[in-house]
Amino acid sequence: MIVAPYVDESLLEVISGVAESISSVQFLSSNPKGDLKLEARKFRDQYSDLSLHVRKTTKFNGRCIITNESTCHHIGDSIKGAGGKVFMISEVEDSENRQALIEQIEESWKQATSVE
């Protein structure tokens, strides 16, 4: 799951690099941009074995990535800017904080509005 305030089709380009090795992606965003809905449909057609879902919420302003439902990374800046500028990503190592964050994100996901 990727949580970021602004998500657009450029993030799909980033995901396409690993699409063959993952089974699902979830984007949780407060402000999906551009033609994300259309581009997500095209992405699903191209990577039909990959489950892709986008939801909108105002519960988060920060950025993080959760992998395997148990590993959580905090991201210091825009994901789409990764690699082009100095970029910071840190693993949330404290188990209590990590679990609390994952639970809050999962709850926000359940309450979020689908952008599909």
PDB file of N, CA and C in Angstrom:
ATOM      1  N   MET A   1       0.849  -1.172   0.000  1.00  0.00           N
ATOM      2  CA  MET A   1       0.000   0.000   0.000  1.00  0.00           C
ATOM      3  C   MET A   1       0.891   1.231   0.000  1.00  0.00           C
ATOM      4  N   ILE A   2       0.507   2.196  -0.813  1.00  0.00           N
ATOM      5  CA  ILE A   2       1.217   3.461  -0.861  1.00  0.00           C
ATOM      6  C   ILE A   2       0.262   4.545  -0.390  1.00  0.00           C
ATOM      7  N   VAL A   3       0.688   5.279   0.616  1.00  0.00           N
ATOM      8  CA  VAL A   3      -0.094   6.387   1.155  1.00  0.00           C
ATOM      9  C   VAL A   3       0.646   7.662   0.809  1.00  0.00           C
ATOM     10  N   ALA A   4      -0.035   8.559   0.100  1.00  0.00           N
ATOM     11  CA  ALA A   4       0.582   9.823  -0.294  1.00  0.00           C
ATOM     12  C   ALA A   4      -0.516  10.841  -0.565  1.00  0.00           C
ATOM     13  N   PRO A   5      -0.280  12.101  -0.194  1.00  0.00           N
ATOM     14  CA  PRO A   5      -1.332  13.098  -0.406  1.00  0.00           C
ATOM     15  C   PRO A   5      -1.657  13.317  -1.878  1.00  0.00           C
ATOM     16  N   TYR A   6      -0.655  13.287  -2.727  1.00  0.00           N
ATOM     17  CA  TYR A   6      -0.870  13.496  -4.157  1.00  0.00           C
ATOM     18  C   TYR A   6      -0.396  12.268  -4.921  1.00  0.00           C
ATOM     19  N   VAL A   7      -1.309  11.655  -5.646  1.00  0.00           N
ATOM     20  CA  VAL A   7      -0.992  10.488  -6.453  1.00  0.00           C
ATOM     21  C   VAL A   7      -1.486  10.771  -7.865  1.00  0.00           C
ATOM     22  N   ASP A   8      -0.627  10.551  -8.843  1.00  0.00           N
ATOM     23  CA  ASP A   8      -1.048  10.684 -10.228  1.00  0.00           C
ATOM     24  C   ASP A   8      -0.501   9.518 -11.042  1.00  0.00           C
ATOM     25  N   GLU A   9      -0.721   9.584 -12.344  1.00  0.00           N
ATOM     26  CA  GLU A   9      -0.333   8.456 -13.205  1.00  0.00           C
ATOM     27  C   GLU A   9       1.165   8.197 -13.219  1.00  0.00           C
ATOM     28  N   SER A  10       1.984   9.161 -12.825  1.00  0.00           N
ATOM     29  CA  SER A  10       3.438   8.929 -12.807  1.00  0.00           C
ATOM     30  C   SER A  10       3.814   7.832 -11.805  1.00  0.00           C
ATOM     31  N   LEU A  11       3.021   7.667 -10.765  1.00  0.00           N
ATOM     32  CA  LEU A  11       3.291   6.605  -9.797  1.00  0.00           C
ATOM     33  C   LEU A  11       3.052   5.231 -10.426  1.00  0.00           C
ATOM     34  N   LEU A  12       2.145   5.167 -11.373  1.00  0.00           N
ATOM     35  CA  LEU A  12       1.920   3.907 -12.087  1.00  0.00           C
ATOM     36  C   LEU A  12       3.151   3.517 -12.899  1.00  0.00           C
ATOM     37  N   GLU A  13       3.863   4.509 -13.415  1.00  0.00           N
ATOM     38  CA  GLU A  13       5.103   4.231 -14.143  1.00  0.00           C
ATOM     39  C   GLU A  13       6.137   3.612 -13.206  1.00  0.00           C
ATOM     40  N   VAL A  14       6.218   4.134 -11.990  1.00  0.00           N
ATOM     41  CA  VAL A  14       7.144   3.587 -10.999  1.00  0.00           C
ATOM     42  C   VAL A  14       6.763   2.142 -10.675  1.00  0.00           C
ATOM     43  N   ILE A  15       5.492   1.893 -10.458  1.00  0.00           N
ATOM     44  CA  ILE A  15       5.000   0.552 -10.114  1.00  0.00           C
ATOM     45  C   ILE A  15       5.215  -0.429 -11.273  1.00  0.00           C
ATOM     46  N   SER A  16       5.133   0.056 -12.499  1.00  0.00           N
ATOM     47  CA  SER A  16       5.284  -0.855 -13.653  1.00  0.00           C
ATOM     48  C   SER A  16       6.643  -1.550 -13.648  1.00  0.00           C
ATOM     49  N   GLY A  17       7.638  -0.937 -13.031  1.00  0.00           N
ATOM     50  CA  GLY A  17       8.963  -1.560 -12.956  1.00  0.00           C
ATOM     51  C   GLY A  17       9.009  -2.807 -12.093  1.00  0.00           C
ATOM     52  N   VAL A  18       8.047  -2.947 -11.197  1.00  0.00           N
ATOM     53  CA  VAL A  18       8.013  -4.131 -10.326  1.00  0.00           C
ATOM     54  C   VAL A  18       6.703  -4.909 -10.463  1.00  0.00           C
ATOM     55  N   ALA A  19       5.888  -4.525 -11.423  1.00  0.00           N
ATOM     56  CA  ALA A  19       4.545  -5.108 -11.559  1.00  0.00           C
ATOM     57  C   ALA A  19       4.554  -6.620 -11.729  1.00  0.00           C
ATOM     58  N   GLU A  20       5.578  -7.153 -12.348  1.00  0.00           N
ATOM     59  CA  GLU A  20       5.644  -8.600 -12.579  1.00  0.00           C
ATOM     60  C   GLU A  20       5.932  -9.379 -11.294  1.00  0.00           C
ATOM     61  N   SER A  21       6.444  -8.698 -10.282  1.00  0.00           N
ATOM     62  CA  SER A  21       6.847  -9.405  -9.059  1.00  0.00           C
ATOM     63  C   SER A  21       5.919  -9.169  -7.871  1.00  0.00           C
ATOM     64  N   ILE A  22       4.822  -8.430  -8.073  1.00  0.00           N
ATOM     65  CA  ILE A  22       3.882  -8.177  -6.980  1.00  0.00           C
ATOM     66  C   ILE A  22       2.474  -8.580  -7.413  1.00  0.00           C
ATOM     67  N   SER A  23       1.613  -8.820  -6.433  1.00  0.00           N
ATOM     68  CA  SER A  23       0.258  -9.255  -6.770  1.00  0.00           C
ATOM     69  C   SER A  23      -0.793  -8.173  -6.575  1.00  0.00           C
ATOM     70  N   SER A  24      -0.488  -7.163  -5.733  1.00  0.00           N
ATOM     71  CA  SER A  24      -1.485  -6.116  -5.533  1.00  0.00           C
ATOM     72  C   SER A  24      -0.828  -4.801  -5.116  1.00  0.00           C
ATOM     73  N   VAL A  25      -1.526  -3.714  -5.445  1.00  0.00           N
ATOM     74  CA  VAL A  25      -1.100  -2.363  -5.067  1.00  0.00           C
ATOM     75  C   VAL A  25      -2.337  -1.594  -4.656  1.00  0.00           C
ATOM     76  N   GLN A  26      -2.206  -0.867  -3.568  1.00  0.00           N
ATOM     77  CA  GLN A  26      -3.279   0.010  -3.116  1.00  0.00           C
ATOM     78  C   GLN A  26      -2.694   1.404  -2.953  1.00  0.00           C
ATOM     79  N   PHE A  27      -3.381   2.410  -3.504  1.00  0.00           N
ATOM     80  CA  PHE A  27      -3.012   3.803  -3.317  1.00  0.00           C
ATOM     81  C   PHE A  27      -4.064   4.446  -2.429  1.00  0.00           C
ATOM     82  N   LEU A  28      -3.618   5.086  -1.355  1.00  0.00           N
ATOM     83  CA  LEU A  28      -4.505   5.826  -0.470  1.00  0.00           C
ATOM     84  C   LEU A  28      -4.050   7.277  -0.512  1.00  0.00           C
ATOM     85  N   SER A  29      -4.906   8.157  -1.014  1.00  0.00           N
ATOM     86  CA  SER A  29      -4.493   9.530  -1.279  1.00  0.00           C
ATOM     87  C   SER A  29      -5.588  10.516  -0.907  1.00  0.00           C
ATOM     88  N   SER A  30      -5.172  11.700  -0.505  1.00  0.00           N
ATOM     89  CA  SER A  30      -6.157  12.749  -0.236  1.00  0.00           C
ATOM     90  C   SER A  30      -6.482  13.527  -1.501  1.00  0.00           C
ATOM     91  N   ASN A  31      -5.621  13.431  -2.507  1.00  0.00           N
ATOM     92  CA  ASN A  31      -5.806  14.240  -3.697  1.00  0.00           C
ATOM     93  C   ASN A  31      -5.297  13.531  -4.953  1.00  0.00           C
ATOM     94  N   PRO A  32      -6.023  12.512  -5.439  1.00  0.00           N
ATOM     95  CA  PRO A  32      -5.619  11.872  -6.691  1.00  0.00           C
ATOM     96  C   PRO A  32      -5.662  12.908  -7.815  1.00  0.00           C
ATOM     97  N   LYS A  33      -4.626  12.950  -8.631  1.00  0.00           N
ATOM     98  CA  LYS A  33      -4.488  13.992  -9.646  1.00  0.00           C
ATOM     99  C   LYS A  33      -4.636  13.450 -11.066  1.00  0.00           C
ATOM    100  N   GLY A  34      -4.867  14.384 -11.987  1.00  0.00           N
ATOM    101  CA  GLY A  34      -4.872  14.078 -13.410  1.00  0.00           C
ATOM    102  C   GLY A  34      -5.886  13.024 -13.791  1.00  0.00           C
ATOM    103  N   ASP A  35      -5.513  12.220 -14.751  1.00  0.00           N
ATOM    104  CA  ASP A  35      -6.378  11.156 -15.253  1.00  0.00           C
ATOM    105  C   ASP A  35      -6.058   9.828 -14.588  1.00  0.00           C
ATOM    106  N   LEU A  36      -5.877   9.850 -13.282  1.00  0.00           N
ATOM    107  CA  LEU A  36      -5.492   8.630 -12.578  1.00  0.00           C
ATOM    108  C   LEU A  36      -6.509   7.514 -12.792  1.00  0.00           C
ATOM    109  N   LYS A  37      -7.772   7.853 -12.787  1.00  0.00           N
ATOM    110  CA  LYS A  37      -8.811   6.844 -12.961  1.00  0.00           C
ATOM    111  C   LYS A  37      -8.660   6.140 -14.317  1.00  0.00           C
ATOM    112  N   LEU A  38      -8.501   6.907 -15.375  1.00  0.00           N
ATOM    113  CA  LEU A  38      -8.327   6.352 -16.711  1.00  0.00           C
ATOM    114  C   LEU A  38      -7.019   5.575 -16.825  1.00  0.00           C
ATOM    115  N   GLU A  39      -5.934   6.162 -16.319  1.00  0.00           N
ATOM    116  CA  GLU A  39      -4.634   5.511 -16.401  1.00  0.00           C
ATOM    117  C   GLU A  39      -4.597   4.229 -15.576  1.00  0.00           C
ATOM    118  N   ALA A  40      -5.317   4.207 -14.456  1.00  0.00           N
ATOM    119  CA  ALA A  40      -5.391   2.987 -13.639  1.00  0.00           C
ATOM    120  C   ALA A  40      -6.094   1.874 -14.408  1.00  0.00           C
ATOM    121  N   ARG A  41      -7.129   2.223 -15.164  1.00  0.00           N
ATOM    122  CA  ARG A  41      -7.811   1.222 -15.993  1.00  0.00           C
ATOM    123  C   ARG A  41      -6.853   0.645 -17.043  1.00  0.00           C
ATOM    124  N   LYS A  42      -6.099   1.516 -17.694  1.00  0.00           N
ATOM    125  CA  LYS A  42      -5.126   1.071 -18.695  1.00  0.00           C
ATOM    126  C   LYS A  42      -4.065   0.177 -18.053  1.00  0.00           C
ATOM    127  N   PHE A  43      -3.630   0.575 -16.863  1.00  0.00           N
ATOM    128  CA  PHE A  43      -2.622  -0.201 -16.138  1.00  0.00           C
ATOM    129  C   PHE A  43      -3.155  -1.590 -15.824  1.00  0.00           C
ATOM    130  N   ARG A  44      -4.410  -1.675 -15.364  1.00  0.00           N
ATOM    131  CA  ARG A  44      -5.023  -2.972 -15.060  1.00  0.00           C
ATOM    132  C   ARG A  44      -5.113  -3.847 -16.307  1.00  0.00           C
ATOM    133  N   ASP A  45      -5.410  -3.219 -17.446  1.00  0.00           N
ATOM    134  CA  ASP A  45      -5.473  -3.991 -18.704  1.00  0.00           C
ATOM    135  C   ASP A  45      -4.109  -4.558 -19.066  1.00  0.00           C
ATOM    136  N   GLN A  46      -3.071  -3.758 -18.851  1.00  0.00           N
ATOM    137  CA  GLN A  46      -1.721  -4.192 -19.204  1.00  0.00           C
ATOM    138  C   GLN A  46      -1.185  -5.241 -18.234  1.00  0.00           C
ATOM    139  N   TYR A  47      -1.490  -5.074 -16.951  1.00  0.00           N
ATOM    140  CA  TYR A  47      -1.003  -5.992 -15.906  1.00  0.00           C
ATOM    141  C   TYR A  47      -2.206  -6.678 -15.264  1.00  0.00           C
ATOM    142  N   SER A  48      -2.853  -7.531 -16.012  1.00  0.00           N
ATOM    143  CA  SER A  48      -4.120  -8.124 -15.578  1.00  0.00           C
ATOM    144  C   SER A  48      -3.975  -9.039 -14.363  1.00  0.00           C
ATOM    145  N   ASP A  49      -2.774  -9.527 -14.077  1.00  0.00           N
ATOM    146  CA  ASP A  49      -2.570 -10.377 -12.905  1.00  0.00           C
ATOM    147  C   ASP A  49      -2.379  -9.564 -11.624  1.00  0.00           C
ATOM    148  N   LEU A  50      -2.255  -8.255 -11.756  1.00  0.00           N
ATOM    149  CA  LEU A  50      -2.007  -7.371 -10.625  1.00  0.00           C
ATOM    150  C   LEU A  50      -3.300  -6.694 -10.199  1.00  0.00           C
ATOM    151  N   SER A  51      -3.600  -6.750  -8.929  1.00  0.00           N
ATOM    152  CA  SER A  51      -4.766  -6.065  -8.382  1.00  0.00           C
ATOM    153  C   SER A  51      -4.366  -4.635  -8.008  1.00  0.00           C
ATOM    154  N   LEU A  52      -5.055  -3.642  -8.580  1.00  0.00           N
ATOM    155  CA  LEU A  52      -4.765  -2.239  -8.317  1.00  0.00           C
ATOM    156  C   LEU A  52      -6.031  -1.535  -7.852  1.00  0.00           C
ATOM    157  N   HIS A  53      -5.947  -0.883  -6.688  1.00  0.00           N
ATOM    158  CA  HIS A  53      -7.096  -0.160  -6.149  1.00  0.00           C
ATOM    159  C   HIS A  53      -6.639   1.209  -5.657  1.00  0.00           C
ATOM    160  N   VAL A  54      -7.488   2.206  -5.891  1.00  0.00           N
ATOM    161  CA  VAL A  54      -7.204   3.584  -5.480  1.00  0.00           C
ATOM    162  C   VAL A  54      -8.372   4.086  -4.651  1.00  0.00           C
ATOM    163  N   ARG A  55      -8.049   4.648  -3.484  1.00  0.00           N
ATOM    164  CA  ARG A  55      -9.078   5.234  -2.635  1.00  0.00           C
ATOM    165  C   ARG A  55      -8.638   6.607  -2.139  1.00  0.00           C
ATOM    166  N   LYS A  56      -9.645   7.391  -1.812  1.00  0.00           N
ATOM    167  CA  LYS A  56      -9.407   8.769  -1.382  1.00  0.00           C
ATOM    168  C   LYS A  56      -9.814   8.944   0.078  1.00  0.00           C
ATOM    169  N   THR A  57      -8.936   9.631   0.837  1.00  0.00           N
ATOM    170  CA  THR A  57      -9.203   9.929   2.238  1.00  0.00           C
ATOM    171  C   THR A  57      -8.517  11.240   2.609  1.00  0.00           C
ATOM    172  N   THR A  58      -9.023  11.873   3.627  1.00  0.00           N
ATOM    173  CA  THR A  58      -8.362  13.088   4.131  1.00  0.00           C
ATOM    174  C   THR A  58      -7.673  12.811   5.462  1.00  0.00           C
ATOM    175  N   LYS A  59      -7.537  11.562   5.823  1.00  0.00           N
ATOM    176  CA  LYS A  59      -6.973  11.179   7.120  1.00  0.00           C
ATOM    177  C   LYS A  59      -5.452  11.282   7.187  1.00  0.00           C
ATOM    178  N   PHE A  60      -4.771  11.297   6.021  1.00  0.00           N
ATOM    179  CA  PHE A  60      -3.312  11.299   6.018  1.00  0.00           C
ATOM    180  C   PHE A  60      -2.772  12.430   5.162  1.00  0.00           C
ATOM    181  N   ASN A  61      -1.696  13.033   5.631  1.00  0.00           N
ATOM    182  CA  ASN A  61      -0.989  14.027   4.838  1.00  0.00           C
ATOM    183  C   ASN A  61       0.451  13.576   4.598  1.00  0.00           C
ATOM    184  N   GLY A  62       0.906  12.612   5.357  1.00  0.00           N
ATOM    185  CA  GLY A  62       2.261  12.100   5.203  1.00  0.00           C
ATOM    186  C   GLY A  62       2.331  11.050   4.114  1.00  0.00           C
ATOM    187  N   ARG A  63       3.525  10.512   3.932  1.00  0.00           N
ATOM    188  CA  ARG A  63       3.749   9.504   2.906  1.00  0.00           C
ATOM    189  C   ARG A  63       4.376   8.262   3.531  1.00  0.00           C
ATOM    190  N   CYS A  64       3.855   7.106   3.155  1.00  0.00           N
ATOM    191  CA  CYS A  64       4.470   5.874   3.616  1.00  0.00           C
ATOM    192  C   CYS A  64       4.130   4.739   2.672  1.00  0.00           C
ATOM    193  N   ILE A  65       4.896   3.685   2.798  1.00  0.00           N
ATOM    194  CA  ILE A  65       4.684   2.472   2.010  1.00  0.00           C
ATOM    195  C   ILE A  65       4.631   1.301   2.983  1.00  0.00           C
ATOM    196  N   ILE A  66       3.614   0.470   2.815  1.00  0.00           N
ATOM    197  CA  ILE A  66       3.499  -0.751   3.615  1.00  0.00           C
ATOM    198  C   ILE A  66       3.659  -1.924   2.657  1.00  0.00           C
ATOM    199  N   THR A  67       4.572  -2.829   2.985  1.00  0.00           N
ATOM    200  CA  THR A  67       4.763  -4.027   2.172  1.00  0.00           C
ATOM    201  C   THR A  67       4.505  -5.258   3.031  1.00  0.00           C
ATOM    202  N   ASN A  68       3.951  -6.254   2.404  1.00  0.00           N
ATOM    203  CA  ASN A  68       3.676  -7.538   3.071  1.00  0.00           C
ATOM    204  C   ASN A  68       2.859  -7.378   4.342  1.00  0.00           C
ATOM    205  N   GLU A  69       2.064  -6.337   4.427  1.00  0.00           N
ATOM    206  CA  GLU A  69       1.173  -6.058   5.554  1.00  0.00           C
ATOM    207  C   GLU A  69       1.885  -5.945   6.895  1.00  0.00           C
ATOM    208  N   SER A  70       3.226  -5.818   6.870  1.00  0.00           N
ATOM    209  CA  SER A  70       3.938  -5.777   8.146  1.00  0.00           C
ATOM    210  C   SER A  70       5.154  -4.855   8.171  1.00  0.00           C
ATOM    211  N   THR A  71       5.662  -4.481   7.023  1.00  0.00           N
ATOM    212  CA  THR A  71       6.816  -3.597   6.964  1.00  0.00           C
ATOM    213  C   THR A  71       6.335  -2.219   6.545  1.00  0.00           C
ATOM    214  N   CYS A  72       6.788  -1.213   7.255  1.00  0.00           N
ATOM    215  CA  CYS A  72       6.321   0.144   6.989  1.00  0.00           C
ATOM    216  C   CYS A  72       7.518   1.078   6.832  1.00  0.00           C
ATOM    217  N   HIS A  73       7.483   1.878   5.778  1.00  0.00           N
ATOM    218  CA  HIS A  73       8.521   2.875   5.534  1.00  0.00           C
ATOM    219  C   HIS A  73       7.884   4.259   5.467  1.00  0.00           C
ATOM    220  N   HIS A  74       8.483   5.207   6.142  1.00  0.00           N
ATOM    221  CA  HIS A  74       8.068   6.606   6.074  1.00  0.00           C
ATOM    222  C   HIS A  74       8.886   7.272   4.980  1.00  0.00           C
ATOM    223  N   ILE A  75       8.238   8.088   4.170  1.00  0.00           N
ATOM    224  CA  ILE A  75       8.905   8.752   3.054  1.00  0.00           C
ATOM    225  C   ILE A  75       8.886  10.249   3.316  1.00  0.00           C
ATOM    226  N   GLY A  76      10.046  10.880   3.178  1.00  0.00           N
ATOM    227  CA  GLY A  76      10.190  12.285   3.522  1.00  0.00           C
ATOM    228  C   GLY A  76       9.757  13.269   2.471  1.00  0.00           C
ATOM    229  N   ASP A  77       9.538  12.837   1.225  1.00  0.00           N
ATOM    230  CA  ASP A  77       9.178  13.767   0.171  1.00  0.00           C
ATOM    231  C   ASP A  77       8.343  13.039  -0.873  1.00  0.00           C
ATOM    232  N   SER A  78       7.967  13.736  -1.908  1.00  0.00           N
ATOM    233  CA  SER A  78       7.132  13.183  -2.956  1.00  0.00           C
ATOM    234  C   SER A  78       7.732  11.912  -3.545  1.00  0.00           C
ATOM    235  N   ILE A  79       6.919  10.897  -3.684  1.00  0.00           N
ATOM    236  CA  ILE A  79       7.375   9.627  -4.245  1.00  0.00           C
ATOM    237  C   ILE A  79       7.758   9.802  -5.706  1.00  0.00           C
ATOM    238  N   LYS A  80       6.986  10.606  -6.440  1.00  0.00           N
ATOM    239  CA  LYS A  80       7.291  10.740  -7.862  1.00  0.00           C
ATOM    240  C   LYS A  80       8.602  11.482  -8.101  1.00  0.00           C
ATOM    241  N   GLY A  81       9.114  12.187  -7.092  1.00  0.00           N
ATOM    242  CA  GLY A  81      10.394  12.866  -7.216  1.00  0.00           C
ATOM    243  C   GLY A  81      11.579  11.991  -6.848  1.00  0.00           C
ATOM    244  N   ALA A  82      11.311  10.767  -6.428  1.00  0.00           N
ATOM    245  CA  ALA A  82      12.385   9.863  -6.005  1.00  0.00           C
ATOM    246  C   ALA A  82      13.379   9.641  -7.127  1.00  0.00           C
ATOM    247  N   GLY A  83      14.637   9.734  -6.776  1.00  0.00           N
ATOM    248  CA  GLY A  83      15.688   9.501  -7.745  1.00  0.00           C
ATOM    249  C   GLY A  83      16.146  10.760  -8.456  1.00  0.00           C
ATOM    250  N   GLY A  84      15.309  11.784  -8.484  1.00  0.00           N
ATOM    251  CA  GLY A  84      15.678  13.014  -9.154  1.00  0.00           C
ATOM    252  C   GLY A  84      16.287  14.042  -8.221  1.00  0.00           C
ATOM    253  N   LYS A  85      16.032  13.894  -6.945  1.00  0.00           N
ATOM    254  CA  LYS A  85      16.524  14.817  -5.925  1.00  0.00           C
ATOM    255  C   LYS A  85      16.932  13.996  -4.708  1.00  0.00           C
ATOM    256  N   VAL A  86      17.500  14.673  -3.735  1.00  0.00           N
ATOM    257  CA  VAL A  86      17.808  13.996  -2.473  1.00  0.00           C
ATOM    258  C   VAL A  86      16.486  13.476  -1.915  1.00  0.00           C
ATOM    259  N   PHE A  87      16.499  12.257  -1.447  1.00  0.00           N
ATOM    260  CA  PHE A  87      15.269  11.576  -1.074  1.00  0.00           C
ATOM    261  C   PHE A  87      15.512  10.759   0.183  1.00  0.00           C
ATOM    262  N   MET A  88      14.585  10.815   1.128  1.00  0.00           N
ATOM    263  CA  MET A  88      14.749  10.098   2.380  1.00  0.00           C
ATOM    264  C   MET A  88      13.601   9.108   2.560  1.00  0.00           C
ATOM    265  N   ILE A  89      13.966   7.868   2.877  1.00  0.00           N
ATOM    266  CA  ILE A  89      12.982   6.844   3.214  1.00  0.00           C
ATOM    267  C   ILE A  89      13.524   6.091   4.427  1.00  0.00           C
ATOM    268  N   SER A  90      12.683   5.930   5.438  1.00  0.00           N
ATOM    269  CA  SER A  90      13.116   5.314   6.690  1.00  0.00           C
ATOM    270  C   SER A  90      12.141   4.222   7.096  1.00  0.00           C
ATOM    271  N   GLU A  91      12.675   3.101   7.523  1.00  0.00           N
ATOM    272  CA  GLU A  91      11.814   2.038   8.017  1.00  0.00           C
ATOM    273  C   GLU A  91      11.338   2.386   9.421  1.00  0.00           C
ATOM    274  N   VAL A  92      10.053   2.163   9.666  1.00  0.00           N
ATOM    275  CA  VAL A  92       9.504   2.337  11.008  1.00  0.00           C
ATOM    276  C   VAL A  92       9.829   1.053  11.757  1.00  0.00           C
ATOM    277  N   GLU A  93      10.837   1.122  12.617  1.00  0.00           N
ATOM    278  CA  GLU A  93      11.340  -0.081  13.269  1.00  0.00           C
ATOM    279  C   GLU A  93      10.654  -0.399  14.590  1.00  0.00           C
ATOM    280  N   ASP A  94      10.219   0.617  15.311  1.00  0.00           N
ATOM    281  CA  ASP A  94       9.555   0.391  16.589  1.00  0.00           C
ATOM    282  C   ASP A  94       8.240  -0.357  16.346  1.00  0.00           C
ATOM    283  N   SER A  95       8.134  -1.549  16.908  1.00  0.00           N
ATOM    284  CA  SER A  95       6.986  -2.417  16.605  1.00  0.00           C
ATOM    285  C   SER A  95       5.648  -1.817  17.029  1.00  0.00           C
ATOM    286  N   GLU A  96       5.596  -1.132  18.155  1.00  0.00           N
ATOM    287  CA  GLU A  96       4.329  -0.534  18.599  1.00  0.00           C
ATOM    288  C   GLU A  96       3.904   0.598  17.676  1.00  0.00           C
ATOM    289  N   ASN A  97       4.835   1.472  17.325  1.00  0.00           N
ATOM    290  CA  ASN A  97       4.508   2.565  16.406  1.00  0.00           C
ATOM    291  C   ASN A  97       4.141   2.038  15.020  1.00  0.00           C
ATOM    292  N   ARG A  98       4.884   1.051  14.555  1.00  0.00           N
ATOM    293  CA  ARG A  98       4.612   0.469  13.243  1.00  0.00           C
ATOM    294  C   ARG A  98       3.214  -0.140  13.216  1.00  0.00           C
ATOM    295  N   GLN A  99       2.888  -0.923  14.220  1.00  0.00           N
ATOM    296  CA  GLN A  99       1.579  -1.571  14.263  1.00  0.00           C
ATOM    297  C   GLN A  99       0.454  -0.557  14.367  1.00  0.00           C
ATOM    298  N   ALA A 100       0.641   0.482  15.169  1.00  0.00           N
ATOM    299  CA  ALA A 100      -0.376   1.529  15.306  1.00  0.00           C
ATOM    300  C   ALA A 100      -0.594   2.247  13.975  1.00  0.00           C
ATOM    301  N   LEU A 101       0.483   2.538  13.270  1.00  0.00           N
ATOM    302  CA  LEU A 101       0.377   3.216  11.982  1.00  0.00           C
ATOM    303  C   LEU A 101      -0.320   2.322  10.955  1.00  0.00           C
ATOM    304  N   ILE A 102       0.072   1.076  10.893  1.00  0.00           N
ATOM    305  CA  ILE A 102      -0.550   0.147   9.941  1.00  0.00           C
ATOM    306  C   ILE A 102      -2.042  -0.010  10.243  1.00  0.00           C
ATOM    307  N   GLU A 103      -2.399  -0.132  11.507  1.00  0.00           N
ATOM    308  CA  GLU A 103      -3.817  -0.260  11.872  1.00  0.00           C
ATOM    309  C   GLU A 103      -4.608   0.980  11.483  1.00  0.00           C
ATOM    310  N   GLN A 104      -4.033   2.167  11.686  1.00  0.00           N
ATOM    311  CA  GLN A 104      -4.711   3.400  11.316  1.00  0.00           C
ATOM    312  C   GLN A 104      -4.886   3.501   9.804  1.00  0.00           C
ATOM    313  N   ILE A 105      -3.870   3.110   9.062  1.00  0.00           N
ATOM    314  CA  ILE A 105      -3.960   3.137   7.596  1.00  0.00           C
ATOM    315  C   ILE A 105      -5.014   2.137   7.117  1.00  0.00           C
ATOM    316  N   GLU A 106      -5.020   0.947   7.680  1.00  0.00           N
ATOM    317  CA  GLU A 106      -6.017  -0.059   7.292  1.00  0.00           C
ATOM    318  C   GLU A 106      -7.435   0.425   7.597  1.00  0.00           C
ATOM    319  N   GLU A 107      -7.627   1.058   8.733  1.00  0.00           N
ATOM    320  CA  GLU A 107      -8.944   1.593   9.087  1.00  0.00           C
ATOM    321  C   GLU A 107      -9.339   2.723   8.135  1.00  0.00           C
ATOM    322  N   SER A 108      -8.401   3.580   7.813  1.00  0.00           N
ATOM    323  CA  SER A 108      -8.665   4.665   6.859  1.00  0.00           C
ATOM    324  C   SER A 108      -9.003   4.108   5.484  1.00  0.00           C
ATOM    325  N   TRP A 109      -8.348   3.019   5.091  1.00  0.00           N
ATOM    326  CA  TRP A 109      -8.626   2.373   3.820  1.00  0.00           C
ATOM    327  C   TRP A 109     -10.080   1.905   3.775  1.00  0.00           C
ATOM    328  N   LYS A 110     -10.522   1.277   4.842  1.00  0.00           N
ATOM    329  CA  LYS A 110     -11.900   0.775   4.898  1.00  0.00           C
ATOM    330  C   LYS A 110     -12.911   1.905   4.763  1.00  0.00           C
ATOM    331  N   GLN A 111     -12.608   3.066   5.311  1.00  0.00           N
ATOM    332  CA  GLN A 111     -13.534   4.195   5.300  1.00  0.00           C
ATOM    333  C   GLN A 111     -13.381   5.091   4.070  1.00  0.00           C
ATOM    334  N   ALA A 112     -12.325   4.893   3.309  1.00  0.00           N
ATOM    335  CA  ALA A 112     -12.029   5.771   2.168  1.00  0.00           C
ATOM    336  C   ALA A 112     -12.994   5.536   1.000  1.00  0.00           C
ATOM    337  N   THR A 113     -13.071   6.518   0.139  1.00  0.00           N
ATOM    338  CA  THR A 113     -13.923   6.466  -1.047  1.00  0.00           C
ATOM    339  C   THR A 113     -13.147   5.898  -2.230  1.00  0.00           C
ATOM    340  N   SER A 114     -13.747   4.968  -2.935  1.00  0.00           N
ATOM    341  CA  SER A 114     -13.108   4.377  -4.103  1.00  0.00           C
ATOM    342  C   SER A 114     -13.001   5.397  -5.237  1.00  0.00           C
ATOM    343  N   VAL A 115     -11.881   5.343  -5.954  1.00  0.00           N
ATOM    344  CA  VAL A 115     -11.650   6.243  -7.088  1.00  0.00           C
ATOM    345  C   VAL A 115     -11.599   5.397  -8.358  1.00  0.00           C
ATOM    346  N   GLU A 116     -12.349   4.337  -8.425  1.00  0.00           N
ATOM    347  CA  GLU A 116     -12.232   3.404  -9.551  1.00  0.00           C
ATOM    348  C   GLU A 116     -13.314   3.609 -10.564  1.00  0.00           C
TER     349      GLU A 116
END
